[in-house]
């Protein structure tokens, strides 16, 4: 399992700079460096405490929680970024949707919700957002299926 990490001061600096850069409505994506394996982080913390991994402290693998991913994706492969004056801040170019399509999709989602049809809800989401994956959930079987 890998995750991105950054220090609080670095995150605050990037958020403040992005806020002063924006014109309104942009989605900013920060360069967070390389993802870190959680097991490597655990081993480092054990060593920083003056202990020895697997001797003084065992690392227990509990598995993924429902919906948790093995690795984080900051953007899908379909989304592009535009550089800014700061190489650590990019602006995401997201897919645009027609308002009528969005309204119809929301109405369909609400119909499926009120009828209690969770499978149908996920199919509607997958149809509207093709790259959506139901990672580590009971809906994973729909990931490779043809929708609506």
N, C-alpha and C. Protein backbone atom coordinates (compact mmCIF):
# COMPACT_ATOMS: atom_id res chain seq x y z
N UNK A 1 0.86 -1.17 0.00
CA UNK A 1 0.00 0.00 0.00
C UNK A 1 0.90 1.23 0.00
N UNK A 2 0.63 2.16 -0.90
CA UNK A 2 1.41 3.39 -0.94
C UNK A 2 0.50 4.60 -0.76
N UNK A 3 1.07 5.64 -0.18
CA UNK A 3 0.35 6.89 0.03
C UNK A 3 1.31 8.06 -0.21
N UNK A 4 0.72 9.21 -0.55
CA UNK A 4 1.50 10.44 -0.68
C UNK A 4 1.51 11.15 0.66
N UNK A 5 2.64 11.77 0.97
CA UNK A 5 2.77 12.53 2.21
C UNK A 5 3.47 13.84 1.92
N UNK A 6 3.14 14.85 2.68
CA UNK A 6 3.90 16.10 2.66
C UNK A 6 3.78 16.71 4.05
N UNK A 7 4.73 17.58 4.36
CA UNK A 7 4.70 18.21 5.68
C UNK A 7 3.58 19.25 5.72
N UNK A 8 3.16 19.58 6.93
CA UNK A 8 2.12 20.59 7.09
C UNK A 8 2.59 21.94 6.55
N UNK A 9 3.82 22.39 6.87
CA UNK A 9 4.26 23.68 6.32
C UNK A 9 4.28 23.69 4.78
N UNK A 10 4.71 22.58 4.16
CA UNK A 10 4.72 22.52 2.70
C UNK A 10 3.30 22.57 2.15
N UNK A 11 2.39 21.85 2.77
CA UNK A 11 1.00 21.85 2.31
C UNK A 11 0.39 23.24 2.45
N UNK A 12 0.62 23.90 3.58
CA UNK A 12 0.07 25.25 3.79
C UNK A 12 0.62 26.22 2.76
N UNK A 13 1.93 26.15 2.51
CA UNK A 13 2.56 27.03 1.52
C UNK A 13 1.93 26.84 0.14
N UNK A 14 1.75 25.59 -0.28
CA UNK A 14 1.18 25.32 -1.59
C UNK A 14 -0.28 25.76 -1.68
N UNK A 15 -1.05 25.52 -0.62
CA UNK A 15 -2.46 25.93 -0.62
C UNK A 15 -2.57 27.45 -0.70
N UNK A 16 -1.77 28.16 0.09
CA UNK A 16 -1.82 29.63 0.06
C UNK A 16 -1.40 30.17 -1.30
N UNK A 17 -0.36 29.59 -1.87
CA UNK A 17 0.08 30.06 -3.18
C UNK A 17 -0.94 29.75 -4.26
N UNK A 18 -1.53 28.56 -4.21
CA UNK A 18 -2.56 28.21 -5.20
C UNK A 18 -3.75 29.15 -5.06
N UNK A 19 -4.11 29.49 -3.82
CA UNK A 19 -5.24 30.39 -3.59
C UNK A 19 -4.99 31.78 -4.15
N UNK A 20 -3.75 32.22 -4.10
CA UNK A 20 -3.44 33.55 -4.64
C UNK A 20 -3.24 33.53 -6.15
N UNK A 21 -3.04 32.33 -6.70
CA UNK A 21 -2.82 32.17 -8.14
C UNK A 21 -4.13 32.06 -8.90
N UNK A 22 -5.11 31.45 -8.29
CA UNK A 22 -6.35 31.12 -8.99
C UNK A 22 -7.17 32.31 -9.41
N UNK A 23 -7.92 32.09 -10.47
CA UNK A 23 -8.85 33.10 -10.97
C UNK A 23 -10.27 32.77 -10.52
N UNK A 24 -10.46 31.53 -10.08
CA UNK A 24 -11.76 31.08 -9.62
C UNK A 24 -12.20 29.83 -10.36
N UNK A 25 -12.50 28.78 -9.61
CA UNK A 25 -13.01 27.55 -10.20
C UNK A 25 -11.97 26.53 -10.60
N UNK A 26 -10.68 26.86 -10.48
CA UNK A 26 -9.65 25.90 -10.87
C UNK A 26 -9.55 24.77 -9.85
N UNK A 27 -9.06 23.65 -10.34
CA UNK A 27 -8.73 22.52 -9.46
C UNK A 27 -7.21 22.40 -9.51
N UNK A 28 -6.58 22.63 -8.37
CA UNK A 28 -5.13 22.58 -8.30
C UNK A 28 -4.67 21.20 -7.87
N UNK A 29 -3.59 20.74 -8.47
CA UNK A 29 -2.98 19.46 -8.12
C UNK A 29 -1.54 19.75 -7.71
N UNK A 30 -1.18 19.29 -6.53
CA UNK A 30 0.16 19.54 -6.02
C UNK A 30 1.09 18.38 -6.33
N UNK A 31 2.34 18.71 -6.65
CA UNK A 31 3.36 17.68 -6.80
C UNK A 31 3.74 17.25 -5.39
N UNK A 32 3.35 16.05 -5.04
CA UNK A 32 3.58 15.56 -3.68
C UNK A 32 4.77 14.62 -3.60
N UNK A 33 5.59 14.61 -4.65
CA UNK A 33 6.73 13.72 -4.64
C UNK A 33 6.30 12.30 -4.95
N UNK A 34 7.16 11.37 -4.63
CA UNK A 34 6.86 9.96 -4.89
C UNK A 34 6.02 9.39 -3.74
N UNK A 35 5.12 8.47 -4.06
CA UNK A 35 4.36 7.83 -2.98
C UNK A 35 5.29 6.97 -2.12
N UNK A 36 4.90 6.80 -0.87
CA UNK A 36 5.71 6.04 0.09
C UNK A 36 4.94 4.79 0.49
N UNK A 37 5.64 3.67 0.55
CA UNK A 37 5.02 2.43 1.02
C UNK A 37 4.76 2.56 2.52
N UNK A 38 3.58 2.20 2.94
CA UNK A 38 3.21 2.29 4.36
C UNK A 38 4.14 1.42 5.21
N UNK A 39 4.53 0.26 4.70
CA UNK A 39 5.42 -0.62 5.46
C UNK A 39 6.79 0.04 5.65
N UNK A 40 7.27 0.78 4.65
CA UNK A 40 8.54 1.49 4.80
C UNK A 40 8.42 2.59 5.85
N UNK A 41 7.29 3.28 5.85
CA UNK A 41 7.05 4.32 6.86
C UNK A 41 7.03 3.70 8.26
N UNK A 42 6.35 2.57 8.40
CA UNK A 42 6.29 1.89 9.70
C UNK A 42 7.69 1.47 10.16
N UNK A 43 8.48 0.89 9.26
CA UNK A 43 9.84 0.49 9.61
C UNK A 43 10.68 1.69 10.04
N UNK A 44 10.56 2.79 9.32
CA UNK A 44 11.33 4.00 9.66
C UNK A 44 10.94 4.53 11.04
N UNK A 45 9.65 4.52 11.34
CA UNK A 45 9.20 5.02 12.64
C UNK A 45 9.68 4.12 13.78
N UNK A 46 9.69 2.82 13.54
CA UNK A 46 10.20 1.89 14.56
C UNK A 46 11.68 2.17 14.82
N UNK A 47 12.44 2.35 13.73
CA UNK A 47 13.88 2.63 13.87
C UNK A 47 14.13 3.97 14.55
N UNK A 48 13.32 4.99 14.21
CA UNK A 48 13.47 6.31 14.85
C UNK A 48 13.20 6.24 16.35
N UNK A 49 12.41 5.27 16.76
CA UNK A 49 12.12 5.08 18.19
C UNK A 49 13.23 4.28 18.88
N UNK A 50 14.28 3.92 18.12
CA UNK A 50 15.40 3.19 18.68
C UNK A 50 15.16 1.70 18.81
N UNK A 51 14.17 1.20 18.08
CA UNK A 51 13.82 -0.22 18.15
C UNK A 51 14.15 -0.90 16.83
N UNK A 52 14.03 -2.22 16.83
CA UNK A 52 14.33 -3.01 15.64
C UNK A 52 13.05 -3.66 15.13
N UNK A 53 12.70 -3.38 13.86
CA UNK A 53 11.50 -4.00 13.28
C UNK A 53 11.61 -5.52 13.30
N UNK A 54 10.50 -6.19 13.53
CA UNK A 54 10.37 -7.65 13.56
C UNK A 54 11.02 -8.30 14.77
N UNK A 55 11.79 -7.52 15.54
CA UNK A 55 12.38 -8.06 16.77
C UNK A 55 11.70 -7.41 17.98
N UNK A 56 11.78 -6.08 18.04
CA UNK A 56 11.14 -5.36 19.14
C UNK A 56 9.65 -5.14 18.89
N UNK A 57 9.31 -4.93 17.64
CA UNK A 57 7.91 -4.65 17.27
C UNK A 57 7.60 -5.36 15.97
N UNK A 58 6.47 -6.05 15.96
CA UNK A 58 6.00 -6.67 14.71
C UNK A 58 5.08 -5.69 13.98
N UNK A 59 5.12 -5.76 12.67
CA UNK A 59 4.17 -5.01 11.86
C UNK A 59 3.05 -5.98 11.50
N UNK A 60 1.83 -5.61 11.85
CA UNK A 60 0.67 -6.46 11.61
C UNK A 60 -0.05 -5.97 10.36
N UNK A 61 -0.23 -6.86 9.41
CA UNK A 61 -0.94 -6.53 8.17
C UNK A 61 -2.42 -6.86 8.37
N UNK A 62 -3.24 -5.83 8.35
CA UNK A 62 -4.67 -6.02 8.61
C UNK A 62 -5.50 -6.04 7.34
N UNK A 63 -4.89 -5.73 6.21
CA UNK A 63 -5.63 -5.72 4.95
C UNK A 63 -6.26 -4.36 4.69
N UNK A 64 -6.89 -4.26 3.56
CA UNK A 64 -7.54 -3.02 3.17
C UNK A 64 -8.93 -2.92 3.78
N UNK A 65 -9.34 -1.72 4.10
CA UNK A 65 -10.71 -1.48 4.53
C UNK A 65 -11.58 -1.35 3.29
N UNK A 66 -12.88 -1.55 3.43
CA UNK A 66 -13.76 -1.41 2.26
C UNK A 66 -13.58 -0.05 1.60
N UNK A 67 -13.35 -0.07 0.29
CA UNK A 67 -13.18 1.16 -0.48
C UNK A 67 -11.76 1.69 -0.50
N UNK A 68 -10.87 1.15 0.34
CA UNK A 68 -9.50 1.64 0.38
C UNK A 68 -8.72 1.10 -0.81
N UNK A 69 -7.86 1.94 -1.38
CA UNK A 69 -7.08 1.56 -2.55
C UNK A 69 -5.67 1.13 -2.16
N UNK A 70 -5.07 0.30 -3.01
CA UNK A 70 -3.67 -0.07 -2.79
C UNK A 70 -2.75 1.12 -3.01
N UNK A 71 -3.12 1.97 -3.95
CA UNK A 71 -2.31 3.15 -4.24
C UNK A 71 -3.23 4.30 -4.62
N UNK A 72 -2.75 5.52 -4.36
CA UNK A 72 -3.54 6.71 -4.65
C UNK A 72 -3.27 7.19 -6.06
N UNK A 73 -4.29 7.71 -6.69
CA UNK A 73 -4.16 8.35 -7.99
C UNK A 73 -4.61 9.79 -7.83
N UNK A 74 -3.71 10.73 -8.11
CA UNK A 74 -4.08 12.13 -7.97
C UNK A 74 -4.99 12.57 -9.11
N UNK A 75 -4.78 12.01 -10.28
CA UNK A 75 -5.61 12.28 -11.45
C UNK A 75 -5.79 10.98 -12.21
N UNK A 76 -6.85 10.89 -12.98
CA UNK A 76 -7.01 9.72 -13.84
C UNK A 76 -6.14 9.91 -15.08
N UNK A 77 -5.94 8.85 -15.82
CA UNK A 77 -5.15 8.93 -17.05
C UNK A 77 -5.81 9.82 -18.09
N UNK A 78 -7.12 10.05 -17.94
CA UNK A 78 -7.86 10.86 -18.91
C UNK A 78 -7.69 12.35 -18.66
N UNK A 79 -7.23 12.72 -17.48
CA UNK A 79 -7.13 14.13 -17.12
C UNK A 79 -5.72 14.65 -17.35
N UNK A 80 -5.65 15.87 -17.83
CA UNK A 80 -4.37 16.52 -18.10
C UNK A 80 -4.16 17.66 -17.11
N UNK A 81 -2.92 18.14 -17.03
CA UNK A 81 -2.64 19.29 -16.17
C UNK A 81 -1.99 20.40 -16.97
N UNK A 82 -2.19 21.61 -16.49
CA UNK A 82 -1.57 22.79 -17.07
C UNK A 82 -0.57 23.30 -16.04
N UNK A 83 0.67 23.58 -16.46
CA UNK A 83 1.65 24.07 -15.48
C UNK A 83 1.32 25.49 -15.02
N UNK A 84 1.80 25.84 -13.83
CA UNK A 84 1.70 27.20 -13.32
C UNK A 84 3.12 27.73 -13.15
N UNK A 85 3.26 28.93 -12.61
CA UNK A 85 4.60 29.49 -12.38
C UNK A 85 5.38 28.70 -11.32
N UNK A 86 4.68 27.94 -10.49
CA UNK A 86 5.33 27.10 -9.48
C UNK A 86 5.30 25.66 -9.98
N UNK A 87 6.47 25.06 -10.14
CA UNK A 87 6.53 23.70 -10.70
C UNK A 87 5.86 22.65 -9.81
N UNK A 88 5.57 22.99 -8.56
CA UNK A 88 4.90 22.03 -7.67
C UNK A 88 3.38 22.18 -7.70
N UNK A 89 2.87 23.14 -8.47
CA UNK A 89 1.42 23.36 -8.55
C UNK A 89 1.00 23.30 -10.01
N UNK A 90 0.02 22.45 -10.29
CA UNK A 90 -0.53 22.35 -11.64
C UNK A 90 -2.05 22.55 -11.55
N UNK A 91 -2.64 22.92 -12.68
CA UNK A 91 -4.09 23.07 -12.74
C UNK A 91 -4.63 21.89 -13.53
N UNK A 92 -5.60 21.19 -12.95
CA UNK A 92 -6.20 20.03 -13.62
C UNK A 92 -7.18 20.50 -14.69
N UNK A 93 -7.09 19.89 -15.85
CA UNK A 93 -8.09 20.13 -16.90
C UNK A 93 -9.05 18.95 -16.84
N UNK A 94 -10.20 19.20 -16.32
CA UNK A 94 -11.16 18.12 -16.12
C UNK A 94 -12.15 18.07 -17.28
N UNK A 95 -12.76 16.94 -17.41
CA UNK A 95 -13.76 16.73 -18.45
C UNK A 95 -14.97 17.62 -18.18
N UNK A 96 -15.48 18.25 -19.21
CA UNK A 96 -16.67 19.08 -19.06
C UNK A 96 -17.90 18.26 -19.41
N UNK A 97 -18.98 18.50 -18.69
CA UNK A 97 -20.23 17.79 -18.93
C UNK A 97 -21.33 18.80 -19.23
N UNK A 98 -22.24 18.40 -20.07
CA UNK A 98 -23.42 19.18 -20.37
C UNK A 98 -24.33 19.20 -19.14
N UNK A 99 -24.87 20.37 -18.80
CA UNK A 99 -25.70 20.50 -17.61
C UNK A 99 -26.88 19.54 -17.64
N UNK A 100 -27.51 19.37 -18.78
CA UNK A 100 -28.67 18.47 -18.91
C UNK A 100 -28.26 17.03 -18.58
N UNK A 101 -27.08 16.60 -19.07
CA UNK A 101 -26.58 15.25 -18.77
C UNK A 101 -26.35 15.08 -17.26
N UNK A 102 -25.80 16.10 -16.63
CA UNK A 102 -25.56 16.04 -15.19
C UNK A 102 -26.89 15.94 -14.44
N UNK A 103 -27.85 16.76 -14.82
CA UNK A 103 -29.16 16.73 -14.16
C UNK A 103 -29.84 15.38 -14.36
N UNK A 104 -29.77 14.83 -15.58
CA UNK A 104 -30.37 13.52 -15.84
C UNK A 104 -29.70 12.42 -15.02
N UNK A 105 -28.37 12.50 -14.92
CA UNK A 105 -27.63 11.50 -14.14
C UNK A 105 -28.00 11.58 -12.67
N UNK A 106 -28.09 12.79 -12.14
CA UNK A 106 -28.48 12.96 -10.73
C UNK A 106 -29.88 12.42 -10.50
N UNK A 107 -30.79 12.71 -11.42
CA UNK A 107 -32.17 12.20 -11.28
C UNK A 107 -32.18 10.67 -11.29
N UNK A 108 -31.39 10.07 -12.19
CA UNK A 108 -31.30 8.60 -12.25
C UNK A 108 -30.71 8.03 -10.97
N UNK A 109 -29.68 8.71 -10.44
CA UNK A 109 -29.07 8.26 -9.18
C UNK A 109 -30.08 8.32 -8.04
N UNK A 110 -30.84 9.39 -7.98
CA UNK A 110 -31.84 9.52 -6.92
C UNK A 110 -32.92 8.45 -7.05
N UNK A 111 -33.35 8.16 -8.28
CA UNK A 111 -34.34 7.10 -8.49
C UNK A 111 -33.80 5.76 -7.99
N UNK A 112 -32.54 5.47 -8.35
CA UNK A 112 -31.92 4.21 -7.92
C UNK A 112 -31.77 4.17 -6.40
N UNK A 113 -31.40 5.31 -5.81
CA UNK A 113 -31.24 5.38 -4.35
C UNK A 113 -32.57 5.11 -3.66
N UNK A 114 -33.61 5.80 -4.08
CA UNK A 114 -34.91 5.66 -3.41
C UNK A 114 -35.52 4.28 -3.62
N UNK A 115 -35.12 3.60 -4.70
CA UNK A 115 -35.62 2.23 -4.89
C UNK A 115 -34.70 1.21 -4.22
N UNK A 116 -33.59 1.69 -3.62
CA UNK A 116 -32.67 0.80 -2.90
C UNK A 116 -31.79 -0.04 -3.81
N UNK A 117 -31.64 0.36 -5.06
CA UNK A 117 -30.87 -0.42 -6.04
C UNK A 117 -29.42 0.08 -6.11
N UNK A 118 -28.59 -0.41 -5.18
CA UNK A 118 -27.20 0.03 -5.12
C UNK A 118 -26.41 -0.35 -6.37
N UNK A 119 -26.67 -1.53 -6.91
CA UNK A 119 -25.97 -1.96 -8.13
C UNK A 119 -26.26 -0.98 -9.26
N UNK A 120 -27.51 -0.60 -9.41
CA UNK A 120 -27.89 0.37 -10.45
C UNK A 120 -27.20 1.71 -10.22
N UNK A 121 -27.09 2.14 -8.96
CA UNK A 121 -26.41 3.40 -8.65
C UNK A 121 -24.96 3.36 -9.14
N UNK A 122 -24.27 2.27 -8.85
CA UNK A 122 -22.87 2.16 -9.27
C UNK A 122 -22.77 2.10 -10.79
N UNK A 123 -23.70 1.41 -11.44
CA UNK A 123 -23.70 1.37 -12.91
C UNK A 123 -23.89 2.77 -13.49
N UNK A 124 -24.74 3.56 -12.90
CA UNK A 124 -24.96 4.93 -13.38
C UNK A 124 -23.69 5.76 -13.21
N UNK A 125 -23.05 5.62 -12.06
CA UNK A 125 -21.79 6.35 -11.81
C UNK A 125 -20.74 5.92 -12.82
N UNK A 126 -20.61 4.61 -13.06
CA UNK A 126 -19.62 4.10 -14.00
C UNK A 126 -19.91 4.56 -15.43
N UNK A 127 -21.15 4.71 -15.77
CA UNK A 127 -21.50 5.18 -17.10
C UNK A 127 -21.11 6.66 -17.26
N UNK A 128 -21.29 7.44 -16.22
CA UNK A 128 -20.99 8.86 -16.27
C UNK A 128 -19.50 9.14 -16.09
N UNK A 129 -18.83 8.31 -15.28
CA UNK A 129 -17.39 8.45 -15.01
C UNK A 129 -16.74 7.11 -15.34
N UNK A 130 -16.41 6.86 -16.61
CA UNK A 130 -15.94 5.53 -17.04
C UNK A 130 -14.72 5.02 -16.29
N UNK A 131 -13.85 5.91 -15.82
CA UNK A 131 -12.63 5.45 -15.14
C UNK A 131 -12.86 5.12 -13.66
N UNK A 132 -14.07 5.32 -13.16
CA UNK A 132 -14.38 4.99 -11.77
C UNK A 132 -14.20 3.49 -11.53
N UNK A 133 -13.48 3.16 -10.47
CA UNK A 133 -13.27 1.76 -10.08
C UNK A 133 -13.78 1.56 -8.66
N UNK A 134 -14.47 0.47 -8.44
CA UNK A 134 -15.03 0.14 -7.13
C UNK A 134 -14.01 -0.64 -6.32
N UNK A 135 -12.87 -0.03 -6.06
CA UNK A 135 -11.79 -0.72 -5.39
C UNK A 135 -12.18 -1.25 -4.02
N UNK A 136 -11.89 -2.53 -3.81
CA UNK A 136 -12.05 -3.15 -2.50
C UNK A 136 -13.46 -2.97 -1.94
N UNK A 137 -14.44 -3.16 -2.79
CA UNK A 137 -15.82 -3.07 -2.32
C UNK A 137 -16.64 -4.19 -2.95
N UNK A 138 -17.86 -4.33 -2.49
CA UNK A 138 -18.69 -5.40 -3.03
C UNK A 138 -19.12 -5.13 -4.47
N UNK A 139 -18.82 -3.95 -5.01
CA UNK A 139 -19.19 -3.61 -6.38
C UNK A 139 -18.06 -3.85 -7.38
N UNK A 140 -16.94 -4.43 -6.94
CA UNK A 140 -15.80 -4.66 -7.83
C UNK A 140 -16.18 -5.48 -9.06
N UNK A 141 -17.15 -6.36 -8.92
CA UNK A 141 -17.54 -7.21 -10.06
C UNK A 141 -18.07 -6.38 -11.22
N UNK A 142 -18.49 -5.16 -10.96
CA UNK A 142 -18.99 -4.29 -12.03
C UNK A 142 -17.88 -3.56 -12.78
N UNK A 143 -16.65 -3.61 -12.25
CA UNK A 143 -15.57 -2.81 -12.84
C UNK A 143 -15.30 -3.14 -14.30
N UNK A 144 -15.43 -4.38 -14.68
CA UNK A 144 -15.14 -4.77 -16.06
C UNK A 144 -16.40 -5.03 -16.87
N UNK A 145 -17.54 -4.77 -16.29
CA UNK A 145 -18.78 -5.06 -17.00
C UNK A 145 -19.20 -3.88 -17.86
N UNK A 146 -19.99 -4.18 -18.85
CA UNK A 146 -20.55 -3.13 -19.70
C UNK A 146 -21.71 -2.52 -18.94
N UNK A 147 -21.76 -1.20 -18.92
CA UNK A 147 -22.82 -0.53 -18.18
C UNK A 147 -23.90 -0.03 -19.13
N UNK A 148 -24.99 0.32 -18.55
CA UNK A 148 -26.19 0.87 -19.17
C UNK A 148 -26.18 0.87 -20.68
